[in-house]
Amino acid sequence: MLSYIKRKLSESDSGVNSVTSSCGGNSGSSGDSGSGTGSSSSGSISGRSQNADELVRKTSQMSMDDEAIAFGEDALLHELGYRNATDLQETIYDLLRGIRDPEKPCTLEDLNVIYEDGIFVMPPTRSNVSVVRIEFNPTVPHCSLATLIGLCIRVKVERGLPHNIKLDIFIKKGAHQTEEEINKQINDKERIAAAMENPNLRNLVENCIKDEE
């Protein structure tokens, strides 16, 4: 950005110098009149140079400032209260790491079912909604609780974040025998709503995602 501004200002000054030189040549026979024009042009160039230096200084300071203006995806994340995509990724991981396994006295983090590298902040939707993709890895390829784990992940994130995001949850590629069917189930709003209306299933989810006292 700085190099672009400097280049443009340099081009502008070159244009002024060229015009000034031409004007000086045409008025050389005019004596004092030519001298006055050269002096005025010199002052104009000096003022332009000072303005250029000031603009470059301010731009440089802005680019190094921690509060620099954000553009595109970063601007959306800033509006939601995050410094950048990594900040959102870490926030979601902190929400998920304490989810307990439905059968074992361990967390999903302990079992490496959830891992920070499996959380991806994607480009926002056309309606400017943040998109997050979460990948998880069942402990065995025939895990019968994979759908429940995916449901726990969704409910935990949706409850834990104070804003709306588009959440896509997937089993790690090749990690489960029926991954395609499970992926459809845990990303289908109607199936999710129906599952959470089942008292027994809802209790299982609540026990897995509740915060430790």
N, C-alpha and C. Protein backbone atom coordinates (compact mmCIF):
# COMPACT_ATOMS: atom_id res chain seq x y z
N MET A 1 0.83 -1.20 0.00
CA MET A 1 0.00 0.00 0.00
C MET A 1 0.87 1.25 0.00
N LEU A 2 1.92 1.29 0.86
CA LEU A 2 2.81 2.43 0.93
C LEU A 2 3.56 2.63 -0.38
N SER A 3 4.02 1.52 -0.96
CA SER A 3 4.77 1.62 -2.21
C SER A 3 3.89 2.17 -3.32
N TYR A 4 2.61 1.81 -3.30
CA TYR A 4 1.66 2.30 -4.31
C TYR A 4 1.49 3.81 -4.18
N ILE A 5 1.31 4.30 -2.94
CA ILE A 5 1.12 5.73 -2.70
C ILE A 5 2.36 6.50 -3.13
N LYS A 6 3.54 5.98 -2.70
CA LYS A 6 4.79 6.66 -3.06
C LYS A 6 4.96 6.73 -4.58
N ARG A 7 4.63 5.65 -5.27
CA ARG A 7 4.78 5.62 -6.72
C ARG A 7 3.86 6.64 -7.38
N LYS A 8 2.60 6.71 -6.90
CA LYS A 8 1.65 7.66 -7.46
C LYS A 8 2.09 9.10 -7.22
N LEU A 9 2.59 9.38 -6.02
CA LEU A 9 3.05 10.72 -5.71
C LEU A 9 4.27 11.09 -6.55
N SER A 10 5.16 10.09 -6.77
CA SER A 10 6.35 10.32 -7.60
C SER A 10 5.95 10.64 -9.02
N GLU A 11 4.96 9.90 -9.54
CA GLU A 11 4.48 10.16 -10.89
C GLU A 11 3.88 11.55 -11.00
N SER A 12 3.16 11.97 -9.94
CA SER A 12 2.54 13.29 -9.93
C SER A 12 3.60 14.38 -9.95
N ASP A 13 4.66 14.21 -9.12
CA ASP A 13 5.74 15.19 -9.08
C ASP A 13 6.49 15.26 -10.40
N SER A 14 6.68 14.11 -11.05
CA SER A 14 7.37 14.07 -12.33
C SER A 14 6.59 14.86 -13.37
N GLY A 15 5.25 14.71 -13.30
CA GLY A 15 4.40 15.44 -14.23
C GLY A 15 4.52 16.94 -14.03
N VAL A 16 4.57 17.38 -12.77
CA VAL A 16 4.69 18.81 -12.46
C VAL A 16 6.03 19.32 -12.95
N ASN A 17 7.13 18.57 -12.71
CA ASN A 17 8.47 18.98 -13.14
C ASN A 17 8.54 19.13 -14.65
N SER A 18 7.89 18.22 -15.35
CA SER A 18 7.91 18.27 -16.81
C SER A 18 7.22 19.52 -17.33
N VAL A 19 6.06 19.82 -16.75
CA VAL A 19 5.31 21.00 -17.16
C VAL A 19 6.09 22.27 -16.85
N THR A 20 6.71 22.31 -15.64
CA THR A 20 7.47 23.48 -15.22
C THR A 20 8.65 23.74 -16.16
N SER A 21 9.34 22.65 -16.53
CA SER A 21 10.48 22.78 -17.43
C SER A 21 10.06 23.36 -18.77
N SER A 22 8.93 22.87 -19.27
CA SER A 22 8.43 23.34 -20.55
C SER A 22 8.07 24.82 -20.49
N CYS A 23 7.39 25.21 -19.40
CA CYS A 23 6.99 26.60 -19.24
C CYS A 23 8.22 27.49 -19.12
N GLY A 24 9.27 27.05 -18.40
CA GLY A 24 10.48 27.84 -18.22
C GLY A 24 11.17 28.07 -19.55
N GLY A 25 11.19 27.08 -20.43
CA GLY A 25 11.86 27.20 -21.72
C GLY A 25 11.17 28.22 -22.60
N ASN A 26 9.85 28.24 -22.57
CA ASN A 26 9.10 29.15 -23.43
C ASN A 26 9.21 30.59 -22.96
N SER A 27 9.46 30.78 -21.67
CA SER A 27 9.46 32.15 -21.14
C SER A 27 10.85 32.65 -20.85
N GLY A 28 11.89 31.93 -21.34
CA GLY A 28 13.28 32.30 -21.05
C GLY A 28 13.59 33.70 -21.54
N SER A 29 13.03 34.14 -22.65
CA SER A 29 13.32 35.45 -23.21
C SER A 29 12.58 36.56 -22.51
N SER A 30 11.70 36.22 -21.58
CA SER A 30 10.88 37.22 -20.90
C SER A 30 11.57 37.80 -19.71
N GLY A 31 12.75 37.32 -19.37
CA GLY A 31 13.54 37.91 -18.28
C GLY A 31 12.93 37.66 -16.94
N ASP A 32 12.56 38.73 -16.22
CA ASP A 32 12.06 38.64 -14.85
C ASP A 32 10.78 37.84 -14.77
N SER A 33 9.96 37.88 -15.82
CA SER A 33 8.69 37.14 -15.81
C SER A 33 8.95 35.66 -15.70
N GLY A 34 9.97 35.13 -16.43
CA GLY A 34 10.31 33.71 -16.37
C GLY A 34 10.80 33.34 -15.01
N SER A 35 11.59 34.22 -14.40
CA SER A 35 12.13 33.95 -13.07
C SER A 35 11.03 33.84 -12.05
N GLY A 36 10.03 34.66 -12.16
CA GLY A 36 8.91 34.61 -11.21
C GLY A 36 8.14 33.33 -11.33
N THR A 37 7.94 32.86 -12.52
CA THR A 37 7.22 31.61 -12.75
C THR A 37 7.96 30.44 -12.14
N GLY A 38 9.32 30.43 -12.31
CA GLY A 38 10.14 29.35 -11.76
C GLY A 38 10.05 29.34 -10.26
N SER A 39 10.06 30.51 -9.64
CA SER A 39 9.99 30.59 -8.18
C SER A 39 8.66 30.08 -7.68
N SER A 40 7.58 30.44 -8.36
CA SER A 40 6.24 29.98 -7.95
C SER A 40 6.12 28.48 -8.08
N SER A 41 6.66 27.95 -9.20
CA SER A 41 6.59 26.51 -9.42
C SER A 41 7.38 25.76 -8.37
N SER A 42 8.56 26.33 -8.01
CA SER A 42 9.41 25.69 -7.00
C SER A 42 8.69 25.61 -5.67
N GLY A 43 7.98 26.71 -5.32
CA GLY A 43 7.24 26.70 -4.06
C GLY A 43 6.11 25.69 -4.07
N SER A 44 5.46 25.55 -5.24
CA SER A 44 4.36 24.60 -5.37
C SER A 44 4.85 23.17 -5.21
N ILE A 45 6.03 22.90 -5.84
CA ILE A 45 6.58 21.54 -5.74
C ILE A 45 7.00 21.24 -4.31
N SER A 46 7.58 22.24 -3.65
CA SER A 46 8.00 22.06 -2.26
C SER A 46 6.82 21.74 -1.36
N GLY A 47 5.72 22.49 -1.58
CA GLY A 47 4.53 22.23 -0.78
C GLY A 47 3.96 20.85 -1.05
N ARG A 48 3.96 20.46 -2.33
CA ARG A 48 3.46 19.13 -2.69
C ARG A 48 4.31 18.03 -2.05
N SER A 49 5.64 18.26 -2.01
CA SER A 49 6.54 17.28 -1.43
C SER A 49 6.28 17.12 0.07
N GLN A 50 6.04 18.26 0.74
CA GLN A 50 5.74 18.18 2.17
C GLN A 50 4.43 17.43 2.42
N ASN A 51 3.43 17.72 1.58
CA ASN A 51 2.15 17.02 1.72
C ASN A 51 2.31 15.53 1.48
N ALA A 52 3.16 15.18 0.50
CA ALA A 52 3.39 13.76 0.19
C ALA A 52 4.05 13.07 1.37
N ASP A 53 5.06 13.73 1.95
CA ASP A 53 5.75 13.13 3.09
C ASP A 53 4.81 12.93 4.26
N GLU A 54 3.90 13.90 4.48
CA GLU A 54 2.95 13.79 5.58
C GLU A 54 1.97 12.65 5.35
N LEU A 55 1.49 12.51 4.10
CA LEU A 55 0.56 11.44 3.77
C LEU A 55 1.20 10.07 3.95
N VAL A 56 2.46 9.94 3.50
CA VAL A 56 3.17 8.67 3.66
C VAL A 56 3.37 8.35 5.13
N ARG A 57 3.70 9.38 5.93
CA ARG A 57 3.92 9.16 7.36
C ARG A 57 2.64 8.68 8.04
N LYS A 58 1.54 9.33 7.73
CA LYS A 58 0.26 8.95 8.35
C LYS A 58 -0.17 7.56 7.91
N THR A 59 0.02 7.26 6.63
CA THR A 59 -0.35 5.93 6.12
C THR A 59 0.49 4.85 6.77
N SER A 60 1.79 5.13 6.92
CA SER A 60 2.69 4.17 7.56
C SER A 60 2.27 3.92 8.99
N GLN A 61 1.92 5.00 9.69
CA GLN A 61 1.50 4.86 11.08
C GLN A 61 0.22 4.05 11.19
N MET A 62 -0.71 4.28 10.27
CA MET A 62 -1.97 3.55 10.28
C MET A 62 -1.75 2.07 10.03
N SER A 63 -0.83 1.74 9.09
CA SER A 63 -0.60 0.34 8.76
C SER A 63 0.05 -0.42 9.89
N MET A 64 0.77 0.29 10.78
CA MET A 64 1.43 -0.38 11.89
C MET A 64 0.59 -0.36 13.16
N ASP A 65 -0.50 0.36 13.12
CA ASP A 65 -1.34 0.49 14.31
C ASP A 65 -2.11 -0.81 14.54
N ASP A 66 -2.23 -1.22 15.79
CA ASP A 66 -2.98 -2.44 16.12
C ASP A 66 -4.46 -2.30 15.80
N GLU A 67 -4.94 -1.06 15.72
CA GLU A 67 -6.34 -0.82 15.44
C GLU A 67 -6.56 -0.49 13.98
N ALA A 68 -5.70 -0.99 13.11
CA ALA A 68 -5.81 -0.71 11.68
C ALA A 68 -7.16 -1.15 11.15
N ILE A 69 -7.63 -0.45 10.12
CA ILE A 69 -8.95 -0.75 9.57
C ILE A 69 -8.94 -2.13 8.94
N ALA A 70 -9.98 -2.91 9.20
CA ALA A 70 -10.08 -4.27 8.66
C ALA A 70 -10.92 -4.26 7.39
N PHE A 71 -10.62 -5.18 6.49
CA PHE A 71 -11.36 -5.28 5.24
C PHE A 71 -11.88 -6.70 5.07
N GLY A 72 -12.98 -6.84 4.30
CA GLY A 72 -13.50 -8.15 3.93
C GLY A 72 -13.89 -9.01 5.12
N GLU A 73 -13.39 -10.25 5.13
CA GLU A 73 -13.75 -11.21 6.16
C GLU A 73 -13.32 -10.74 7.55
N ASP A 74 -12.16 -10.11 7.63
CA ASP A 74 -11.69 -9.63 8.93
C ASP A 74 -12.63 -8.58 9.51
N ALA A 75 -13.20 -7.75 8.65
CA ALA A 75 -14.14 -6.73 9.12
C ALA A 75 -15.35 -7.39 9.76
N LEU A 76 -15.85 -8.46 9.15
CA LEU A 76 -17.00 -9.17 9.72
C LEU A 76 -16.64 -9.79 11.06
N LEU A 77 -15.46 -10.40 11.16
CA LEU A 77 -15.03 -11.00 12.41
C LEU A 77 -14.86 -9.94 13.49
N HIS A 78 -14.35 -8.78 13.13
CA HIS A 78 -14.20 -7.69 14.09
C HIS A 78 -15.56 -7.26 14.63
N GLU A 79 -16.55 -7.21 13.75
CA GLU A 79 -17.90 -6.84 14.18
C GLU A 79 -18.46 -7.84 15.19
N LEU A 80 -18.07 -9.10 15.06
CA LEU A 80 -18.54 -10.13 15.97
C LEU A 80 -17.72 -10.20 17.26
N GLY A 81 -16.63 -9.44 17.30
CA GLY A 81 -15.83 -9.38 18.52
C GLY A 81 -14.55 -10.20 18.49
N TYR A 82 -14.11 -10.63 17.30
CA TYR A 82 -12.90 -11.45 17.18
C TYR A 82 -11.80 -10.65 16.49
N ARG A 83 -10.56 -10.90 16.90
CA ARG A 83 -9.43 -10.22 16.28
C ARG A 83 -9.22 -10.70 14.85
N ASN A 84 -9.40 -12.02 14.64
CA ASN A 84 -9.18 -12.62 13.33
C ASN A 84 -9.78 -14.02 13.33
N ALA A 85 -9.56 -14.77 12.25
CA ALA A 85 -10.11 -16.11 12.12
C ALA A 85 -9.56 -17.06 13.19
N THR A 86 -8.29 -16.90 13.53
CA THR A 86 -7.68 -17.76 14.54
C THR A 86 -8.35 -17.56 15.90
N ASP A 87 -8.72 -16.34 16.20
CA ASP A 87 -9.40 -16.04 17.47
C ASP A 87 -10.73 -16.76 17.54
N LEU A 88 -11.49 -16.76 16.47
CA LEU A 88 -12.77 -17.48 16.42
C LEU A 88 -12.53 -18.98 16.52
N GLN A 89 -11.53 -19.48 15.83
CA GLN A 89 -11.20 -20.90 15.88
C GLN A 89 -10.89 -21.34 17.30
N GLU A 90 -10.08 -20.56 18.01
CA GLU A 90 -9.71 -20.91 19.38
C GLU A 90 -10.91 -20.84 20.32
N THR A 91 -11.79 -19.88 20.08
CA THR A 91 -13.00 -19.76 20.91
C THR A 91 -13.88 -20.99 20.78
N ILE A 92 -14.05 -21.46 19.56
CA ILE A 92 -14.88 -22.65 19.34
C ILE A 92 -14.21 -23.90 19.92
N TYR A 93 -12.91 -23.99 19.78
CA TYR A 93 -12.21 -25.14 20.34
C TYR A 93 -12.36 -25.18 21.86
N ASP A 94 -12.29 -24.04 22.50
CA ASP A 94 -12.47 -23.99 23.97
C ASP A 94 -13.86 -24.44 24.38
N LEU A 95 -14.84 -24.19 23.52
CA LEU A 95 -16.20 -24.65 23.81
C LEU A 95 -16.31 -26.17 23.71
N LEU A 96 -15.61 -26.74 22.72
CA LEU A 96 -15.78 -28.16 22.40
C LEU A 96 -14.90 -29.10 23.21
N ARG A 97 -13.76 -28.61 23.67
CA ARG A 97 -12.77 -29.50 24.26
C ARG A 97 -13.29 -30.20 25.52
N GLY A 98 -14.26 -29.61 26.20
CA GLY A 98 -14.74 -30.22 27.44
C GLY A 98 -15.94 -31.13 27.28
N ILE A 99 -16.43 -31.32 26.05
CA ILE A 99 -17.56 -32.24 25.84
C ILE A 99 -17.13 -33.65 26.25
N ARG A 100 -17.97 -34.31 27.02
CA ARG A 100 -17.63 -35.65 27.49
C ARG A 100 -18.10 -36.72 26.52
N ASP A 101 -17.32 -37.76 26.43
CA ASP A 101 -17.69 -38.90 25.60
C ASP A 101 -18.92 -39.57 26.21
N PRO A 102 -19.89 -40.00 25.38
CA PRO A 102 -21.12 -40.61 25.91
C PRO A 102 -20.90 -41.88 26.70
N GLU A 103 -19.79 -42.60 26.45
CA GLU A 103 -19.57 -43.88 27.12
C GLU A 103 -18.36 -43.89 28.06
N LYS A 104 -17.35 -43.14 27.73
CA LYS A 104 -16.10 -43.19 28.50
C LYS A 104 -15.96 -41.96 29.40
N PRO A 105 -15.24 -42.09 30.51
CA PRO A 105 -15.02 -40.96 31.41
C PRO A 105 -13.91 -40.04 30.91
N CYS A 106 -14.03 -39.63 29.67
CA CYS A 106 -13.02 -38.79 29.03
C CYS A 106 -13.71 -37.70 28.23
N THR A 107 -12.96 -36.67 27.90
CA THR A 107 -13.50 -35.63 27.03
C THR A 107 -13.16 -35.96 25.58
N LEU A 108 -13.83 -35.26 24.67
CA LEU A 108 -13.54 -35.47 23.25
C LEU A 108 -12.13 -35.02 22.90
N GLU A 109 -11.62 -34.07 23.66
CA GLU A 109 -10.23 -33.66 23.47
C GLU A 109 -9.27 -34.77 23.90
N ASP A 110 -9.56 -35.40 25.05
CA ASP A 110 -8.71 -36.49 25.54
C ASP A 110 -8.60 -37.61 24.51
N LEU A 111 -9.70 -37.89 23.85
CA LEU A 111 -9.75 -39.00 22.90
C LEU A 111 -9.34 -38.58 21.49
N ASN A 112 -8.99 -37.30 21.32
CA ASN A 112 -8.61 -36.76 20.02
C ASN A 112 -9.74 -36.87 18.99
N VAL A 113 -10.97 -36.87 19.51
CA VAL A 113 -12.13 -36.81 18.61
C VAL A 113 -12.28 -35.38 18.10
N ILE A 114 -11.98 -34.44 18.98
CA ILE A 114 -11.97 -33.01 18.64
C ILE A 114 -10.53 -32.51 18.71
N TYR A 115 -10.13 -31.72 17.72
CA TYR A 115 -8.77 -31.18 17.68
C TYR A 115 -8.84 -29.81 17.01
N GLU A 116 -7.94 -28.94 17.41
CA GLU A 116 -7.99 -27.55 16.93
C GLU A 116 -7.82 -27.45 15.42
N ASP A 117 -7.00 -28.32 14.84
CA ASP A 117 -6.78 -28.28 13.39
C ASP A 117 -8.01 -28.70 12.60
N GLY A 118 -9.01 -29.23 13.29
CA GLY A 118 -10.23 -29.65 12.61
C GLY A 118 -11.31 -28.58 12.58
N ILE A 119 -10.97 -27.37 13.00
CA ILE A 119 -11.92 -26.25 12.99
C ILE A 119 -11.47 -25.26 11.93
N PHE A 120 -12.35 -24.99 10.97
CA PHE A 120 -11.99 -24.13 9.83
C PHE A 120 -12.97 -22.96 9.72
N VAL A 121 -12.43 -21.76 9.68
CA VAL A 121 -13.25 -20.57 9.44
C VAL A 121 -13.26 -20.32 7.94
N MET A 122 -14.45 -20.45 7.34
CA MET A 122 -14.58 -20.37 5.89
C MET A 122 -15.04 -18.97 5.46
N PRO A 123 -14.98 -18.65 4.16
CA PRO A 123 -15.51 -17.37 3.68
C PRO A 123 -17.00 -17.24 4.04
N PRO A 124 -17.46 -16.03 4.35
CA PRO A 124 -18.86 -15.84 4.74
C PRO A 124 -19.82 -16.08 3.58
N THR A 125 -21.09 -16.24 3.91
CA THR A 125 -22.12 -16.42 2.90
C THR A 125 -22.39 -15.09 2.18
N ARG A 126 -23.21 -15.14 1.15
CA ARG A 126 -23.56 -13.92 0.41
C ARG A 126 -24.32 -12.94 1.30
N SER A 127 -25.01 -13.46 2.30
CA SER A 127 -25.74 -12.60 3.23
C SER A 127 -24.86 -12.17 4.40
N ASN A 128 -23.54 -12.39 4.28
CA ASN A 128 -22.55 -11.94 5.26
C ASN A 128 -22.69 -12.63 6.62
N VAL A 129 -22.89 -13.94 6.57
CA VAL A 129 -22.94 -14.75 7.79
C VAL A 129 -21.66 -15.58 7.85
N SER A 130 -21.00 -15.58 8.99
CA SER A 130 -19.76 -16.35 9.14
C SER A 130 -20.04 -17.84 9.00
N VAL A 131 -19.11 -18.55 8.36
CA VAL A 131 -19.24 -19.99 8.16
C VAL A 131 -18.08 -20.70 8.86
N VAL A 132 -18.43 -21.69 9.67
CA VAL A 132 -17.41 -22.48 10.37
C VAL A 132 -17.65 -23.95 10.05
N ARG A 133 -16.59 -24.63 9.70
CA ARG A 133 -16.64 -26.07 9.42
C ARG A 133 -15.88 -26.79 10.53
N ILE A 134 -16.54 -27.79 11.12
CA ILE A 134 -15.91 -28.57 12.20
C ILE A 134 -15.82 -30.03 11.78
N GLU A 135 -14.62 -30.55 11.85
CA GLU A 135 -14.37 -31.95 11.52
C GLU A 135 -14.07 -32.70 12.81
N PHE A 136 -14.66 -33.89 12.96
CA PHE A 136 -14.32 -34.69 14.14
C PHE A 136 -13.99 -36.12 13.71
N ASN A 137 -13.26 -36.80 14.58
CA ASN A 137 -12.73 -38.11 14.24
C ASN A 137 -13.20 -39.16 15.25
N PRO A 138 -14.20 -39.98 14.90
CA PRO A 138 -14.66 -41.03 15.82
C PRO A 138 -13.52 -41.97 16.20
N THR A 139 -13.62 -42.54 17.38
CA THR A 139 -12.52 -43.39 17.87
C THR A 139 -12.39 -44.68 17.06
N VAL A 140 -13.50 -45.18 16.51
CA VAL A 140 -13.46 -46.40 15.69
C VAL A 140 -14.35 -46.20 14.46
N PRO A 141 -14.05 -46.88 13.34
CA PRO A 141 -14.82 -46.69 12.10
C PRO A 141 -16.29 -47.11 12.19
N HIS A 142 -16.63 -47.91 13.18
CA HIS A 142 -18.02 -48.36 13.31
C HIS A 142 -18.70 -47.75 14.55
N CYS A 143 -18.17 -46.64 15.03
CA CYS A 143 -18.70 -46.00 16.24
C CYS A 143 -20.20 -45.74 16.11
N SER A 144 -20.96 -46.30 17.04
CA SER A 144 -22.41 -46.17 17.01
C SER A 144 -22.89 -44.84 17.59
N LEU A 145 -21.98 -44.10 18.19
CA LEU A 145 -22.35 -42.85 18.84
C LEU A 145 -21.89 -41.62 18.05
N ALA A 146 -21.45 -41.84 16.82
CA ALA A 146 -20.94 -40.73 16.02
C ALA A 146 -22.01 -39.66 15.79
N THR A 147 -23.24 -40.07 15.53
CA THR A 147 -24.32 -39.10 15.32
C THR A 147 -24.58 -38.29 16.59
N LEU A 148 -24.56 -38.95 17.74
CA LEU A 148 -24.76 -38.25 19.02
C LEU A 148 -23.63 -37.25 19.27
N ILE A 149 -22.41 -37.64 18.97
CA ILE A 149 -21.28 -36.74 19.16
C ILE A 149 -21.42 -35.51 18.25
N GLY A 150 -21.80 -35.74 17.00
CA GLY A 150 -22.02 -34.61 16.09
C GLY A 150 -23.11 -33.68 16.59
N LEU A 151 -24.17 -34.26 17.17
CA LEU A 151 -25.26 -33.45 17.73
C LEU A 151 -24.79 -32.64 18.93
N CYS A 152 -23.97 -33.25 19.76
CA CYS A 152 -23.41 -32.54 20.92
C CYS A 152 -22.55 -31.35 20.48
N ILE A 153 -21.75 -31.56 19.44
CA ILE A 153 -20.90 -30.49 18.92
C ILE A 153 -21.75 -29.32 18.45
N ARG A 154 -22.79 -29.62 17.70
CA ARG A 154 -23.65 -28.55 17.17
C ARG A 154 -24.33 -27.78 18.29
N VAL A 155 -24.94 -28.48 19.21
CA VAL A 155 -25.68 -27.81 20.28
C VAL A 155 -24.74 -26.96 21.15
N LYS A 156 -23.54 -27.49 21.43
CA LYS A 156 -22.58 -26.77 22.27
C LYS A 156 -22.15 -25.46 21.62
N VAL A 157 -21.85 -25.50 20.34
CA VAL A 157 -21.39 -24.29 19.65
C VAL A 157 -22.53 -23.28 19.51
N GLU A 158 -23.70 -23.74 19.11
CA GLU A 158 -24.82 -22.83 18.90
C GLU A 158 -25.23 -22.15 20.20
N ARG A 159 -25.12 -22.85 21.31
CA ARG A 159 -25.46 -22.24 22.59
C ARG A 159 -24.33 -21.36 23.12
N GLY A 160 -23.10 -21.73 22.79
CA GLY A 160 -21.95 -21.04 23.38
C GLY A 160 -21.57 -19.73 22.72
N LEU A 161 -21.94 -19.55 21.44
CA LEU A 161 -21.60 -18.32 20.75
C LEU A 161 -22.75 -17.32 20.84
N PRO A 162 -22.45 -16.05 21.11
CA PRO A 162 -23.50 -15.05 21.28
C PRO A 162 -24.02 -14.48 19.96
N HIS A 163 -23.71 -15.12 18.85
CA HIS A 163 -24.13 -14.61 17.55
C HIS A 163 -24.39 -15.79 16.62
N ASN A 164 -25.01 -15.50 15.52
CA ASN A 164 -25.37 -16.53 14.56
C ASN A 164 -24.21 -16.84 13.61
N ILE A 165 -23.97 -18.11 13.37
CA ILE A 165 -23.02 -18.54 12.34
C ILE A 165 -23.62 -19.72 11.59
N LYS A 166 -23.13 -19.96 10.40
CA LYS A 166 -23.51 -21.15 9.65
C LYS A 166 -22.51 -22.24 10.03
N LEU A 167 -23.02 -23.29 10.61
CA LEU A 167 -22.15 -24.33 11.15
C LEU A 167 -22.29 -25.62 10.34
N ASP A 168 -21.18 -26.08 9.78
CA ASP A 168 -21.14 -27.34 9.04
C ASP A 168 -20.26 -28.32 9.81
N ILE A 169 -20.83 -29.49 10.13
CA ILE A 169 -20.11 -30.49 10.92
C ILE A 169 -19.95 -31.76 10.10
N PHE A 170 -18.73 -32.28 10.07
CA PHE A 170 -18.45 -33.45 9.25
C PHE A 170 -17.51 -34.41 9.98
N ILE A 171 -17.70 -35.68 9.69
CA ILE A 171 -16.76 -36.70 10.15
C ILE A 171 -15.52 -36.63 9.26
N LYS A 172 -14.36 -36.81 9.85
CA LYS A 172 -13.12 -36.81 9.08
C LYS A 172 -13.21 -37.82 7.95
N LYS A 173 -12.77 -37.42 6.77
CA LYS A 173 -12.90 -38.26 5.59
C LYS A 173 -12.27 -39.64 5.80
N GLY A 174 -13.06 -40.69 5.58
CA GLY A 174 -12.57 -42.05 5.69
C GLY A 174 -12.52 -42.60 7.10
N ALA A 175 -13.05 -41.82 8.09
CA ALA A 175 -12.93 -42.24 9.49
C ALA A 175 -14.13 -43.06 9.99
N HIS A 176 -15.18 -43.16 9.17
CA HIS A 176 -16.36 -43.93 9.61
C HIS A 176 -16.99 -44.63 8.42
N GLN A 177 -17.58 -45.79 8.71
CA GLN A 177 -18.16 -46.60 7.65
C GLN A 177 -19.38 -45.96 6.99
N THR A 178 -20.13 -45.18 7.76
CA THR A 178 -21.35 -44.55 7.23
C THR A 178 -21.26 -43.02 7.35
N GLU A 179 -20.11 -42.48 7.06
CA GLU A 179 -19.89 -41.04 7.29
C GLU A 179 -20.83 -40.16 6.48
N GLU A 180 -21.14 -40.53 5.24
CA GLU A 180 -22.00 -39.69 4.41
C GLU A 180 -23.40 -39.56 5.01
N GLU A 181 -23.95 -40.67 5.48
CA GLU A 181 -25.28 -40.63 6.08
C GLU A 181 -25.28 -39.84 7.38
N ILE A 182 -24.26 -40.02 8.18
CA ILE A 182 -24.17 -39.29 9.45
C ILE A 182 -23.99 -37.79 9.19
N ASN A 183 -23.18 -37.44 8.21
CA ASN A 183 -23.00 -36.03 7.87
C ASN A 183 -24.32 -35.38 7.48
N LYS A 184 -25.15 -36.09 6.74
CA LYS A 184 -26.47 -35.56 6.36
C LYS A 184 -27.34 -35.34 7.60
N GLN A 185 -27.31 -36.29 8.51
CA GLN A 185 -28.15 -36.20 9.70
C GLN A 185 -27.78 -35.01 10.58
N ILE A 186 -26.48 -34.81 10.82
CA ILE A 186 -26.07 -33.78 11.76
C ILE A 186 -26.01 -32.38 11.14
N ASN A 187 -26.34 -32.29 9.84
CA ASN A 187 -26.42 -30.98 9.19
C ASN A 187 -27.82 -30.70 8.65
N ASP A 188 -28.79 -31.52 9.04
CA ASP A 188 -30.18 -31.36 8.62
C ASP A 188 -30.97 -30.73 9.78
N LYS A 189 -31.44 -29.51 9.59
CA LYS A 189 -32.11 -28.78 10.68
C LYS A 189 -33.35 -29.51 11.19
N GLU A 190 -34.10 -30.11 10.28
CA GLU A 190 -35.33 -30.80 10.70
C GLU A 190 -35.00 -32.04 11.53
N ARG A 191 -33.99 -32.78 11.12
CA ARG A 191 -33.60 -33.97 11.89
C ARG A 191 -33.04 -33.57 13.25
N ILE A 192 -32.30 -32.49 13.29
CA ILE A 192 -31.73 -32.03 14.56
C ILE A 192 -32.84 -31.62 15.51
N ALA A 193 -33.82 -30.86 15.01
CA ALA A 193 -34.94 -30.42 15.84
C ALA A 193 -35.73 -31.62 16.36
N ALA A 194 -35.96 -32.61 15.50
CA ALA A 194 -36.69 -33.80 15.90
C ALA A 194 -35.93 -34.58 16.96
N ALA A 195 -34.61 -34.67 16.80
CA ALA A 195 -33.79 -35.40 17.78
C ALA A 195 -33.84 -34.74 19.15
N MET A 196 -33.79 -33.42 19.18
CA MET A 196 -33.80 -32.71 20.46
C MET A 196 -35.16 -32.69 21.13
N GLU A 197 -36.19 -33.13 20.41
CA GLU A 197 -37.52 -33.27 21.01
C GLU A 197 -37.68 -34.61 21.71
N ASN A 198 -36.75 -35.52 21.46
CA ASN A 198 -36.77 -36.83 22.13
C ASN A 198 -36.16 -36.66 23.52
N PRO A 199 -36.93 -36.88 24.58
CA PRO A 199 -36.45 -36.63 25.95
C PRO A 199 -35.18 -37.40 26.30
N ASN A 200 -35.12 -38.66 25.94
CA ASN A 200 -33.95 -39.48 26.28
C ASN A 200 -32.69 -38.99 25.57
N LEU A 201 -32.84 -38.67 24.28
CA LEU A 201 -31.70 -38.19 23.51
C LEU A 201 -31.27 -36.80 23.99
N ARG A 202 -32.24 -35.98 24.32
CA ARG A 202 -31.91 -34.65 24.81
C ARG A 202 -31.14 -34.72 26.12
N ASN A 203 -31.52 -35.63 27.00
CA ASN A 203 -30.81 -35.80 28.28
C ASN A 203 -29.38 -36.26 28.06
N LEU A 204 -29.18 -37.14 27.09
CA LEU A 204 -27.82 -37.60 26.78
C LEU A 204 -26.95 -36.42 26.32
N VAL A 205 -27.52 -35.61 25.44
CA VAL A 205 -26.78 -34.45 24.94
C VAL A 205 -26.45 -33.49 26.08
N GLU A 206 -27.44 -33.21 26.92
CA GLU A 206 -27.24 -32.26 28.02
C GLU A 206 -26.15 -32.75 28.98
N ASN A 207 -26.11 -34.03 29.23
CA ASN A 207 -25.10 -34.59 30.14
C ASN A 207 -23.69 -34.50 29.53
N CYS A 208 -23.63 -34.64 28.23
CA CYS A 208 -22.32 -34.60 27.57
C CYS A 208 -21.77 -33.18 27.47
N ILE A 209 -22.63 -32.20 27.28
CA ILE A 209 -22.14 -30.85 27.02
C ILE A 209 -22.14 -29.93 28.25
N LYS A 210 -22.69 -30.39 29.35
CA LYS A 210 -22.77 -29.49 30.52
C LYS A 210 -21.37 -29.18 31.04
N ASP A 211 -21.23 -27.96 31.50
CA ASP A 211 -19.94 -27.52 32.03
C ASP A 211 -19.67 -28.16 33.37
N GLU A 212 -18.40 -28.47 33.61
CA GLU A 212 -18.03 -29.05 34.90
C GLU A 212 -18.16 -28.02 36.00
N GLU A 213 -18.68 -28.44 37.14
CA GLU A 213 -18.87 -27.52 38.26
C GLU A 213 -17.58 -27.41 39.09
